[in-house]
Protein backbone atom coordinates (compact mmCIF):
# COMPACT_ATOMS: atom_id res chain seq x y z
CA MET A 1 229.17 102.51 95.96
CA THR A 2 232.89 102.59 95.19
CA LEU A 3 235.48 104.35 97.32
CA ARG A 4 236.08 106.81 94.48
CA ASN A 5 232.43 107.87 94.46
CA LYS A 6 232.35 108.13 98.25
CA ILE A 7 235.42 110.38 98.32
CA PHE A 8 234.06 112.47 95.44
CA ILE A 9 230.70 112.95 97.18
CA THR A 10 232.42 113.69 100.51
CA PHE A 11 234.65 116.37 99.03
CA SER A 12 231.72 117.88 97.13
CA LEU A 13 229.60 118.07 100.28
CA LEU A 14 232.46 119.51 102.32
CA LEU A 15 232.84 122.27 99.75
CA LEU A 16 229.18 122.85 98.94
CA LEU A 17 227.49 122.68 102.35
CA PRO A 18 229.41 125.63 103.86
CA LEU A 19 228.89 127.55 100.63
CA ILE A 20 225.15 126.92 100.62
CA VAL A 21 224.83 127.74 104.33
CA VAL A 22 226.77 130.98 103.89
CA GLY A 23 224.69 131.82 100.81
CA ILE A 24 221.41 131.27 102.68
CA VAL A 25 222.58 133.31 105.66
CA VAL A 26 223.82 136.15 103.44
CA GLN A 27 220.62 136.06 101.39
CA ASN A 28 218.44 136.23 104.50
CA ILE A 29 220.49 139.05 105.98
CA PHE A 30 220.42 140.96 102.69
CA MET A 31 216.68 140.39 102.22
CA SER A 32 215.93 141.54 105.74
CA SER A 33 218.05 144.67 105.49
CA LYS A 34 216.92 145.49 101.94
CA SER A 35 213.26 144.93 102.83
CA GLU A 36 213.49 147.38 105.68
CA GLU A 37 215.50 149.75 103.52
CA ALA A 38 212.99 149.58 100.64
CA ILE A 39 210.01 150.12 102.93
CA THR A 40 211.75 153.00 104.69
CA LYS A 41 212.70 154.51 101.34
CA VAL A 42 209.12 154.36 100.04
CA GLU A 43 207.74 155.85 103.23
CA ASN A 44 210.35 158.60 103.28
CA THR A 45 209.48 159.38 99.65
CA ILE A 46 205.84 160.15 100.33
CA ILE A 47 206.76 162.00 103.54
CA GLN A 48 209.15 164.16 101.50
CA LEU A 49 206.48 164.66 98.81
CA ASN A 50 203.97 165.73 101.43
CA TYR A 51 206.56 168.08 102.90
CA ASN A 52 207.16 169.65 99.48
CA LEU A 53 203.43 170.06 98.95
CA ASP A 54 203.13 171.64 102.40
CA LEU A 55 205.83 174.18 101.53
CA MET A 56 204.20 174.88 98.18
CA LEU A 57 200.74 175.41 99.66
CA GLU A 58 202.00 177.40 102.66
CA ASP A 59 203.86 179.72 100.28
CA ALA A 60 200.72 180.07 98.15
CA SER A 61 198.68 180.82 101.26
CA ARG A 62 201.06 183.57 102.38
CA SER A 63 201.24 185.06 98.89
CA THR A 64 197.46 185.19 98.34
CA ILE A 65 196.65 186.62 101.75
CA SER A 66 199.20 189.40 101.17
CA ILE A 67 196.84 190.89 98.53
CA LEU A 68 194.38 191.87 101.25
CA TYR A 69 197.09 193.83 103.05
CA ASN A 70 197.66 196.01 99.98
CA LYS A 71 195.07 198.88 100.12
CA GLU A 72 195.62 199.88 96.47
CA LEU A 73 194.84 196.36 95.29
CA VAL A 74 191.76 196.16 97.48
CA ASP A 75 190.52 199.50 96.11
CA VAL A 76 190.98 198.29 92.55
CA LEU A 77 189.02 195.10 93.20
CA ARG A 78 186.19 197.08 94.83
CA GLU A 79 185.55 198.77 91.45
CA TYR A 80 184.82 195.42 89.76
CA ASP A 81 181.77 194.21 91.69
CA LEU A 82 178.63 192.70 90.23
CA ASN A 83 177.19 196.09 89.50
CA THR A 84 180.14 197.01 87.34
CA PRO A 85 179.56 196.11 83.69
CA VAL A 86 182.14 193.98 81.92
CA ILE A 87 184.10 196.59 80.02
CA HIS A 88 187.69 197.12 79.13
CA LYS A 89 189.85 197.18 82.21
CA LYS A 90 191.74 200.28 83.09
CA TYR A 91 195.35 200.16 82.07
CA SER A 92 196.49 201.44 85.46
CA HIS A 93 194.61 198.63 87.18
CA ILE A 94 196.09 196.02 84.84
CA LYS A 95 199.59 197.37 85.40
CA LEU A 96 199.24 197.52 89.18
CA LEU A 97 197.86 194.00 89.59
CA SER A 98 200.15 192.53 86.94
CA LEU A 99 203.19 193.99 88.69
CA HIS A 100 202.12 192.61 92.06
CA LEU A 101 201.30 189.18 90.68
CA SER A 102 204.62 189.03 88.81
CA SER A 103 206.44 189.71 92.08
CA MET A 104 204.60 186.75 93.62
CA THR A 105 205.90 184.39 90.91
CA PHE A 106 209.48 185.64 91.00
CA ASN A 107 211.98 182.81 91.28
CA LYS A 108 209.24 180.25 91.95
CA ASP A 109 209.44 177.44 89.45
CA GLN A 110 206.52 175.64 91.02
CA ILE A 111 204.06 178.38 89.91
CA TYR A 112 202.79 178.49 86.36
CA GLY A 113 200.30 181.31 86.74
CA ILE A 114 198.58 183.54 89.35
CA HIS A 115 195.23 185.03 88.49
CA ILE A 116 192.68 187.23 90.25
CA PHE A 117 189.08 186.86 89.22
CA ALA A 118 187.07 189.99 90.18
CA LYS A 119 183.49 189.72 91.37
CA ASN A 120 182.12 190.52 87.91
CA GLY A 121 184.43 187.98 86.19
CA GLN A 122 187.18 190.33 85.07
CA LEU A 123 190.51 188.48 85.05
CA PHE A 124 193.80 190.05 86.13
CA SER A 125 197.05 188.11 85.60
CA HIS A 126 200.77 188.53 85.18
CA MET A 127 200.40 186.86 81.75
CA ASP A 128 199.92 188.58 78.40
CA ASN A 129 196.50 188.92 76.80
CA TYR A 130 197.36 186.50 73.99
CA ARG A 131 197.78 183.71 76.56
CA ILE A 132 194.80 184.34 78.77
CA GLU A 133 191.16 185.43 78.45
CA ASP A 134 189.98 188.85 79.52
CA HIS A 135 187.10 187.63 81.67
CA ILE A 136 185.05 184.51 82.59
CA ASN A 137 181.72 183.69 84.18
CA LEU A 138 182.48 182.69 87.76
CA GLU A 139 179.11 181.09 88.35
CA GLU A 140 179.80 178.55 85.64
CA GLN A 141 183.05 177.35 87.19
CA GLU A 142 183.05 174.03 89.09
CA TRP A 143 185.49 175.27 91.67
CA TYR A 144 183.69 178.55 92.46
CA PRO A 145 181.03 177.11 94.83
CA LYS A 146 183.69 175.09 96.66
CA VAL A 147 185.91 178.07 97.29
CA LYS A 148 182.92 180.14 98.48
CA GLU A 149 182.11 177.47 101.05
CA GLN A 150 185.48 178.03 102.77
CA GLU A 151 184.53 181.62 103.76
CA GLY A 152 188.00 182.98 103.13
CA GLY A 153 189.86 179.72 103.56
CA TRP A 154 191.67 178.02 100.72
CA ILE A 155 191.12 174.86 98.72
CA THR A 156 193.08 172.76 96.28
CA PHE A 157 191.51 171.81 92.98
CA TYR A 158 192.56 169.69 90.03
CA ASP A 159 191.32 171.34 86.82
CA GLU A 160 191.49 169.25 83.70
CA ASN A 161 190.27 172.04 81.38
CA PRO A 162 190.75 175.59 82.66
CA ILE A 163 188.76 177.76 80.21
CA TYR A 164 190.66 180.99 80.86
CA TYR A 165 193.80 179.80 79.07
CA LYS A 166 194.13 180.29 75.33
CA ASN A 167 195.53 177.43 73.29
CA ASN A 168 196.48 175.45 76.41
CA SER A 169 195.29 171.90 77.11
CA GLU A 170 197.36 171.26 80.25
CA LYS A 171 195.85 170.02 83.47
CA TYR A 172 196.63 171.98 86.60
CA VAL A 173 196.66 171.56 90.33
CA SER A 174 195.42 174.88 91.66
CA PHE A 175 195.31 176.76 94.92
CA LEU A 176 192.18 178.96 95.32
CA ARG A 177 191.20 181.46 97.97
CA LEU A 178 188.12 183.70 98.27
CA LEU A 179 189.09 187.38 98.72
CA ARG A 180 186.94 189.43 101.11
CA ASP A 181 187.04 193.12 101.79
CA PRO A 182 188.93 193.65 105.08
CA GLU A 183 186.53 196.47 106.04
CA ASN A 184 183.07 195.06 105.33
CA HIS A 185 183.86 191.42 104.47
CA ASN A 186 182.17 191.73 101.13
CA GLU A 187 183.37 189.39 98.40
CA LEU A 188 186.06 190.96 96.20
CA GLY A 189 186.82 187.96 94.02
CA VAL A 190 188.95 184.83 93.88
CA VAL A 191 192.72 184.48 93.63
CA ARG A 192 193.97 181.33 91.92
CA ILE A 193 197.49 179.92 91.69
CA ASP A 194 198.06 177.25 89.05
CA PHE A 195 201.08 175.11 89.83
CA ALA A 196 203.37 174.10 86.99
CA PRO A 197 202.48 170.62 85.64
CA LYS A 198 206.17 169.92 85.05
CA TYR A 199 206.96 170.60 88.70
CA ILE A 200 204.08 168.41 89.90
CA LYS A 201 205.27 165.63 87.60
CA GLU A 202 208.84 165.89 88.91
CA ILE A 203 207.91 165.61 92.57
CA THR A 204 205.46 162.72 91.99
CA GLU A 205 207.72 160.64 89.75
CA GLN A 206 209.63 159.47 92.83
CA LEU A 207 206.62 157.48 94.03
CA GLY A 208 207.70 154.61 91.75
CA SER A 209 204.23 153.27 91.12
CA GLU A 210 201.24 153.90 88.89
CA ASN A 211 198.82 153.32 91.75
CA TRP A 212 199.12 156.47 93.83
CA GLN A 213 196.70 159.20 94.78
CA ILE A 214 196.67 162.51 96.64
CA THR A 215 193.40 163.38 98.35
CA THR A 216 192.28 166.60 99.98
CA VAL A 217 191.40 167.14 103.59
CA HIS A 218 187.79 166.35 102.60
CA ASN A 219 188.91 162.96 101.24
CA GLU A 220 188.31 164.09 97.66
CA PRO A 221 190.78 162.84 94.99
CA LEU A 222 193.12 165.61 93.87
CA ILE A 223 195.64 164.02 91.51
CA GLY A 224 196.93 160.56 90.76
CA SER A 225 195.28 157.31 89.74
CA LYS A 226 191.56 157.07 89.68
CA SER A 227 190.06 155.36 92.67
CA ASP A 228 190.14 151.57 92.30
CA TYR A 229 190.15 148.48 94.49
CA LEU A 230 193.82 148.77 95.44
CA LEU A 231 193.63 152.42 96.46
CA SER A 232 190.36 151.93 98.29
CA SER A 233 191.92 149.02 100.21
CA CYS A 234 194.97 151.08 101.11
CA GLN A 235 193.80 152.52 104.43
CA THR A 236 196.53 151.41 106.88
CA ASN A 237 200.13 152.49 106.56
CA GLN A 238 202.66 149.71 105.88
CA SER A 239 200.10 147.01 105.16
CA TRP A 240 199.94 144.31 102.49
CA ILE A 241 197.00 144.00 100.09
CA LYS A 242 196.29 141.53 97.33
CA SER A 243 194.86 142.15 93.90
CA GLU A 244 191.76 140.10 93.15
CA GLN A 245 192.50 140.14 89.42
CA SER A 246 196.22 139.34 89.20
CA ASN A 247 196.56 137.72 92.64
CA GLN A 248 199.69 139.87 93.11
CA LYS A 249 200.72 141.35 96.43
CA TYR A 250 201.09 145.09 96.91
CA PHE A 251 202.55 147.17 99.70
CA CYS A 252 200.41 150.04 100.95
CA VAL A 253 202.04 153.23 102.28
CA THR A 254 200.03 156.27 103.38
CA HIS A 255 200.86 159.62 104.94
CA THR A 256 198.62 162.53 105.93
CA SER A 257 200.01 166.02 106.37
CA SER A 258 199.33 167.55 109.76
CA LYS A 259 199.46 171.05 108.20
CA THR A 260 197.49 170.86 104.97
CA GLY A 261 195.50 167.65 105.53
CA LEU A 262 196.65 166.23 102.19
CA LYS A 263 196.81 162.44 102.20
CA ILE A 264 199.15 160.54 99.92
CA SER A 265 198.42 156.87 99.25
CA ASN A 266 200.89 154.73 97.34
CA VAL A 267 200.34 151.09 96.37
CA ILE A 268 203.62 149.48 95.25
CA PRO A 269 203.94 146.08 93.55
CA ILE A 270 206.09 143.63 95.46
CA ASP A 271 208.24 143.09 92.37
CA TYR A 272 209.19 146.77 92.29
CA LEU A 273 209.71 146.87 96.04
CA TYR A 274 212.07 143.90 95.96
CA SER A 275 213.69 144.60 92.61
CA GLU A 276 217.12 144.96 94.20
CA ILE A 277 216.60 141.75 96.14
CA SER A 278 215.62 139.87 92.98
CA GLU A 279 218.73 141.17 91.26
CA PHE A 280 220.86 140.10 94.21
CA ASN A 281 219.24 136.64 94.22
CA ASN A 282 220.07 136.21 90.54
CA ILE A 283 223.69 137.19 91.16
CA LEU A 284 223.84 134.88 94.19
CA LEU A 285 222.46 131.96 92.17
CA LEU A 286 225.03 132.57 89.43
CA LEU A 287 227.79 132.71 92.03
CA ILE A 288 226.59 129.49 93.70
CA GLY A 289 226.41 127.79 90.31
CA PHE A 290 229.93 128.91 89.48
CA CYS A 291 231.22 127.74 92.87
CA LEU A 292 229.37 124.43 92.36
CA LEU A 293 231.24 123.88 89.11
CA ILE A 294 234.58 124.80 90.71
CA SER A 295 233.91 122.54 93.72
CA LEU A 296 233.05 119.60 91.46
CA LEU A 297 236.28 120.09 89.52
CA ILE A 298 238.28 120.35 92.77
CA SER A 299 236.56 117.23 94.13
CA TYR A 300 237.31 115.31 90.95
CA TYR A 301 240.96 116.37 91.06
CA MET A 302 241.36 115.57 94.78
CA THR A 303 239.70 112.18 94.29
CA ASN A 304 242.15 111.22 91.57
CA TYR A 305 245.06 112.67 93.55
CA LEU A 306 244.23 110.62 96.63
CA LEU A 307 243.19 107.40 94.96
CA LYS A 308 245.98 107.07 92.39
CA PRO A 309 248.59 106.03 95.01
CA LEU A 310 246.02 103.82 96.72
CA GLU A 311 245.32 102.10 93.41
CA LEU A 312 249.04 101.34 93.12
CA LEU A 313 249.05 99.95 96.65
CA LYS A 314 246.00 97.84 95.87
CA THR A 315 247.79 96.45 92.85
CA ARG A 316 250.71 95.39 95.09
CA ILE A 317 248.36 93.69 97.53
CA ARG A 318 246.61 91.77 94.73
CA TRP A 319 250.01 90.72 93.41
CA PHE A 320 250.90 89.34 96.83
CA GLN A 321 247.54 87.54 97.12
CA GLU A 322 247.99 85.84 93.77
CA THR A 323 251.72 85.04 93.87
CA LYS A 324 252.46 85.07 97.64
CA ILE A 325 255.58 87.03 96.65
CA SER A 326 256.24 90.49 98.07
CA ASN A 327 256.50 93.14 95.37
CA SER A 328 259.42 95.35 96.26
CA ASN A 329 258.79 97.97 93.58
CA SER A 330 258.79 101.34 95.33
CA ILE A 331 255.92 103.78 95.01
CA GLN A 332 256.97 107.28 94.13
CA SER A 333 255.39 109.52 96.72
CA LYS A 334 256.44 112.23 99.09
CA ASN A 335 253.69 111.99 101.67
CA GLU A 336 251.60 109.50 103.61
CA LEU A 337 251.86 106.82 100.93
CA VAL A 338 255.43 106.10 102.01
CA GLU A 339 254.06 105.36 105.48
CA LEU A 340 251.40 103.10 103.96
CA ARG A 341 254.09 101.21 102.00
CA VAL A 342 256.24 100.80 105.11
CA ALA A 343 253.20 99.65 107.06
CA TYR A 344 252.32 97.22 104.27
CA ASP A 345 255.84 95.76 104.24
CA GLY A 346 255.75 95.56 108.02
CA MET A 347 252.41 93.76 107.79
CA LEU A 348 253.94 91.16 105.48
CA SER A 349 256.82 90.68 107.91
CA ASP A 350 254.36 90.32 110.78
CA ILE A 351 252.40 87.74 108.82
CA ASP A 352 255.56 85.68 108.22
CA TYR A 353 256.43 85.97 111.89
CA LEU A 354 252.93 84.99 113.03
CA VAL A 355 252.90 81.97 110.73
CA ALA A 356 256.21 80.80 112.19
CA GLU A 357 255.00 81.51 115.71
CA VAL A 358 251.75 79.60 115.20
CA TYR A 359 253.73 76.63 113.90
CA GLU A 360 256.08 76.78 116.85
CA THR A 361 253.18 77.16 119.28
CA ASN A 362 251.43 74.12 117.84
CA LEU A 363 254.65 72.16 118.14
CA ARG A 364 255.03 73.20 121.78
CA ASN A 365 251.40 72.32 122.49
CA SER A 366 251.94 68.86 121.10
CA GLU A 367 255.02 68.38 123.26
CA ALA A 368 253.18 69.71 126.31
CA GLU A 369 250.27 67.36 125.66
CA TYR A 370 252.69 64.43 125.48
CA LYS A 371 254.41 65.46 128.68
CA ALA A 372 251.04 65.95 130.40
CA LEU A 373 250.03 62.42 129.48
CA GLN A 374 253.35 61.15 130.74
CA SER A 375 253.07 63.16 133.98
CA GLN A 376 249.73 61.51 134.73
CA MET A 377 251.68 58.29 135.30
CA ASP A 378 254.58 59.81 137.33
CA PRO A 379 252.58 60.95 140.47
CA HIS A 380 250.95 57.51 140.70
CA PHE A 381 254.37 55.85 140.71
CA ILE A 382 255.78 58.35 143.26
CA PHE A 383 252.89 57.96 145.71
CA ASN A 384 253.01 54.13 145.45
CA THR A 385 256.74 54.22 146.17
CA LEU A 386 256.29 56.57 149.18
CA GLU A 387 253.50 54.36 150.51
CA SER A 388 255.76 51.30 150.30
CA ILE A 389 258.55 53.11 152.20
CA ASN A 390 256.02 54.35 154.79
CA MET A 391 254.71 50.83 155.42
CA LYS A 392 258.27 49.53 155.72
CA ALA A 393 259.07 52.22 158.35
CA ILE A 394 255.94 51.39 160.34
CA ASN A 395 256.73 47.69 160.26
CA ASN A 396 260.20 48.49 161.66
CA ASP A 397 258.70 50.83 164.31
CA GLN A 398 260.42 53.84 162.74
CA PHE A 399 257.49 56.17 163.30
CA GLU A 400 259.44 59.43 162.88
CA ILE A 401 260.46 58.38 159.40
CA SER A 402 256.83 57.43 158.70
CA ASP A 403 255.66 60.89 159.78
CA MET A 404 258.29 62.59 157.60
CA ILE A 405 257.23 60.48 154.59
CA ALA A 406 253.58 61.41 155.19
CA GLU A 407 254.51 65.13 155.36
CA LEU A 408 256.59 64.78 152.21
CA GLY A 409 253.59 63.22 150.45
CA LYS A 410 251.49 66.23 151.40
CA LEU A 411 254.11 68.57 149.96
CA ILE A 412 254.30 66.66 146.69
CA ARG A 413 250.49 66.41 146.41
CA TYR A 414 250.17 70.20 147.00
CA ARG A 415 252.78 70.99 144.36
CA LEU A 416 251.08 68.76 141.79
CA LYS A 417 247.86 70.81 142.10
CA ASN A 418 248.78 73.23 139.28
CA GLU A 419 245.34 73.99 137.92
CA GLU A 420 244.61 76.89 140.31
CA GLN A 421 246.53 80.19 140.17
CA GLN A 422 245.17 81.33 143.54
CA ILE A 423 244.19 79.35 146.62
CA PRO A 424 242.74 80.23 150.04
CA LEU A 425 245.32 81.66 152.41
CA GLN A 426 244.63 78.83 154.86
CA GLU A 427 245.83 76.19 152.36
CA GLU A 428 249.02 78.16 151.69
CA ILE A 429 249.68 78.40 155.45
CA ILE A 430 249.07 74.63 155.92
CA PHE A 431 251.51 73.92 153.07
CA ALA A 432 254.14 76.18 154.66
CA LYS A 433 253.62 74.60 158.10
CA THR A 434 254.04 71.14 156.55
CA TYR A 435 257.35 72.24 155.11
CA VAL A 436 258.37 73.66 158.51
CA SER A 437 257.44 70.37 160.18
CA ILE A 438 259.80 68.44 157.89
CA MET A 439 262.62 70.95 158.49
CA LYS A 440 262.04 70.74 162.29
CA ASN A 441 262.63 66.97 162.16
CA ARG A 442 265.94 67.72 160.54
CA LEU A 443 267.12 70.82 162.47
CA GLU A 444 265.26 70.22 165.74
CA ASP A 445 265.98 73.07 168.21
CA ALA A 446 268.09 75.03 165.69
CA LEU A 447 264.85 76.21 164.02
CA ASP A 448 262.01 78.10 165.65
CA VAL A 449 259.07 79.33 163.54
CA ASN A 450 256.27 81.43 165.08
CA TRP A 451 252.97 82.33 163.41
CA GLU A 452 250.76 85.40 163.94
CA VAL A 453 247.68 85.00 161.75
CA GLU A 454 244.39 86.87 162.04
CA GLY A 455 241.67 84.25 162.10
CA ASP A 456 239.11 86.07 159.94
CA ILE A 457 241.30 86.32 156.82
CA VAL A 458 242.24 82.67 156.24
CA ASP A 459 239.79 82.46 153.28
CA HIS A 460 241.53 85.34 151.44
CA LEU A 461 242.76 84.17 148.00
CA VAL A 462 246.51 84.44 147.39
CA PRO A 463 248.90 83.10 144.70
CA LYS A 464 250.43 79.65 145.46
CA TYR A 465 253.96 79.35 146.86
CA ILE A 466 254.41 82.83 148.33
CA ILE A 467 255.08 81.93 152.02
CA GLN A 468 257.06 78.64 151.87
CA PRO A 469 259.83 80.02 149.55
CA LEU A 470 260.36 82.94 151.96
CA ILE A 471 260.70 80.55 154.94
CA GLU A 472 263.05 78.36 152.87
CA ASN A 473 265.25 81.43 152.08
CA SER A 474 265.41 82.34 155.79
CA ILE A 475 266.49 78.79 156.71
CA MET A 476 268.97 78.47 153.81
CA TYR A 477 270.76 81.82 154.28
CA GLY A 478 270.06 82.51 157.95
CA TYR A 479 272.64 80.20 159.52
CA SER A 480 276.25 81.30 159.98
CA ASN A 481 279.10 80.95 162.46
CA ARG A 482 277.40 83.66 164.49
CA VAL A 483 273.81 82.38 164.22
CA LYS A 484 273.31 78.87 165.51
CA ARG A 485 269.52 79.11 165.99
CA VAL A 486 267.28 80.68 163.35
CA GLU A 487 264.10 82.30 164.63
CA ILE A 488 261.47 83.05 161.99
CA LEU A 489 258.31 85.13 162.51
CA VAL A 490 255.46 84.88 160.00
CA LYS A 491 252.80 87.63 160.29
CA VAL A 492 249.57 87.68 158.29
CA LYS A 493 247.13 90.54 158.89
CA MET A 494 244.75 93.02 157.21
CA GLU A 495 245.64 96.72 157.15
CA GLY A 496 242.58 98.48 155.79
CA SER A 497 241.79 96.87 152.42
CA ALA A 498 245.32 95.43 152.04
CA LEU A 499 246.49 91.95 153.02
CA THR A 500 250.02 92.07 154.47
CA ILE A 501 252.27 88.97 154.71
CA SER A 502 255.70 89.39 156.27
CA VAL A 503 258.47 86.84 156.96
CA SER A 504 261.36 88.03 159.16
CA ASP A 505 264.34 86.22 160.64
CA ASN A 506 267.30 86.85 162.92
CA GLY A 507 269.78 85.47 160.42
CA ASN A 508 273.08 86.77 159.17
CA GLY A 509 271.44 89.37 156.91
CA ILE A 510 272.42 90.55 153.41
CA ASP A 511 275.24 92.98 152.74
CA HIS A 512 274.36 96.35 151.22
CA PHE A 513 275.59 95.73 147.66
CA LYS A 514 273.90 92.36 147.31
CA LEU A 515 270.68 93.86 148.71
CA MET A 516 270.86 96.62 146.08
CA GLU A 517 271.25 93.98 143.33
CA ILE A 518 268.20 92.09 144.60
CA GLN A 519 266.07 95.25 144.78
CA GLU A 520 267.21 96.30 141.27
CA SER A 521 266.36 92.83 139.93
CA LEU A 522 262.87 93.06 141.48
CA LYS A 523 262.30 96.43 139.80
CA TYR A 524 263.71 95.28 136.46
CA SER A 525 261.61 92.11 136.38
CA VAL A 526 258.42 94.18 136.69
CA MET A 527 259.43 96.64 133.94
CA LYS A 528 260.84 94.11 131.47
CA ASN A 529 258.54 91.13 132.15
CA ASP A 530 261.47 88.77 132.95
CA TYR A 531 263.60 87.84 135.91
CA GLY A 532 266.06 90.67 135.57
CA LYS A 533 269.39 91.03 133.83
CA ASN A 534 271.32 90.14 136.99
CA HIS A 535 269.29 87.21 138.24
CA GLY A 536 272.15 84.80 137.53
CA LYS A 537 274.36 86.69 139.96
CA VAL A 538 271.68 87.01 142.65
CA LYS A 539 271.22 83.39 143.66
CA ASN A 540 269.14 84.00 146.75
CA GLY A 541 266.88 86.39 144.82
CA ILE A 542 265.34 83.90 142.37
CA ALA A 543 262.45 83.00 144.70
CA LEU A 544 261.74 86.68 145.33
CA LEU A 545 261.74 87.47 141.60
CA ASN A 546 259.39 84.57 140.93
CA ILE A 547 256.96 85.63 143.67
CA ASN A 548 257.09 89.28 142.59
CA ARG A 549 256.41 88.43 138.96
CA ARG A 550 253.43 86.19 139.79
CA LEU A 551 251.96 88.86 142.07
CA ARG A 552 252.14 91.43 139.28
CA LEU A 553 250.64 89.05 136.70
CA ILE A 554 247.64 88.30 138.93
CA HIS A 555 247.09 91.56 140.86
CA GLY A 556 248.99 94.14 138.77
CA VAL A 557 249.94 97.37 140.53
CA ASN A 558 247.72 96.42 143.49
CA SER A 559 250.49 94.15 144.79
CA LYS A 560 254.01 94.96 146.02
CA LEU A 561 257.00 93.07 147.44
CA PHE A 562 259.59 94.74 149.70
CA ILE A 563 262.84 93.38 151.11
CA SER A 564 264.95 94.93 153.86
CA SER A 565 268.02 93.53 155.60
CA ILE A 566 270.71 94.56 158.05
CA VAL A 567 273.93 92.57 158.30
CA GLY A 568 274.14 90.89 161.69
CA THR A 569 270.50 91.65 162.53
CA GLY A 570 268.34 89.78 160.02
CA THR A 571 266.14 90.07 156.94
CA GLU A 572 262.46 90.88 156.43
CA VAL A 573 260.34 90.34 153.29
CA GLU A 574 256.88 91.96 153.12
CA ILE A 575 254.12 91.25 150.61
CA ILE A 576 251.15 93.65 150.22
CA ILE A 577 248.06 92.65 148.22
CA ARG A 578 245.29 95.25 147.84
CA LYS A 579 241.77 94.45 146.79
């Protein structure tokens, strides 16, 4: 896969992944809230419908019972018992009942008609004669036995073909109550209120489904869909049911009125319930598709924008590979490409430098190898010469000279052992004592060197040549007109985890300004990795700088070198090496 494709895919994922995640989160949040909202809305709808039906039936109940509290109306109905033949009704009776029934329908859009059926079948209504029959046979009516069973209570009835209407094929939901004489409880007739079909249609249209049903307190269907599998399965409120025919899921919502006992069951298809969610999902998919297109275009543009300068840089590199000539043509850019070009040019310069350095290093290695081969012969010649002088001294009974030559041989042999950077402390002390022994033969009583060494630390590893140069400095710069005998004290001890080596003398000391130069040179040599800018001026500081540098190379910050001096009192150098 090319770099261009990788960058294009990376940019696309960086743009798309957050978009998809946000889309999924938003869709889940919206679905959850809308699901609850839709379910709550459906449930509130049937609760409101049941509430409206309760108000309608309670009003009908109050209106019908009020007839029995009107003595004139009761007296009129007493005259139309079973023994009274069906004849023309008295005009005064028609007017009285019609006026009362009209008052019951005043400003009540939910009522289509109120009728009183006398015991003998005579019909009184607020309607005109051309709209309603004069009388009916009560015994032939389906609803009559049901209303008689209530003993004065009321029932609801759905009549698909009321025979008392003329030229009217509407179907009515009716409220019926049996009227009994308040004095002797004899049957006076039946009052019936037919509710307006338009009103019933208006309040049931909000159910939003074809599968709904309203049943009476006796679990008899009143209005709605005919009983089927879905409605018969809808027994628990807020439950899911599945159609055996279409395999579609439906949501069941039920509510039973605590006042009238009417039960409303509504079975809603899941598609209708989640119609708003489906619409939102479609919009969300369109939006994601649009954003996908935009993100691909942005990714394509950014890929070209980023790679065009890199292509130019690649061309320069290929030119250098083929011709070994640096292409100095500048790349027009205002951003990071300038840094890349500078880095590229710097890389070429570094390559030239490294090539020259490798050549020089190889040349030095060759010279060093030659010198190493030559040096293998020099020690052999030196030791043979020293041995000849030693034998000559012994033959002439000059034993002191023989001892000095033997000590000198030890010094030379120790210095020629260059393969180890660190040696046991005991070897370094022996080397220093050998040097002191030679100097004692020369200075005799003018030199006194004392040693204080802890016996259990002689195997501690230390860098070579860190004690002898300090003793040599004390001897070289310790003598003066004032000091005729140099006393040197060498202390080696452990302080916690640190090895401390100190060399002090009673010499002439170092004046303040020269001491400051030496201390500054020691500090500078550590910071700049050389022997200091003033080492040429500080002649008696070269050994200290050398020791300090080697300590830092081997032990780093775990080692330190301190020098202190007082004019006329002496000088002390202390080395600390921590594990």
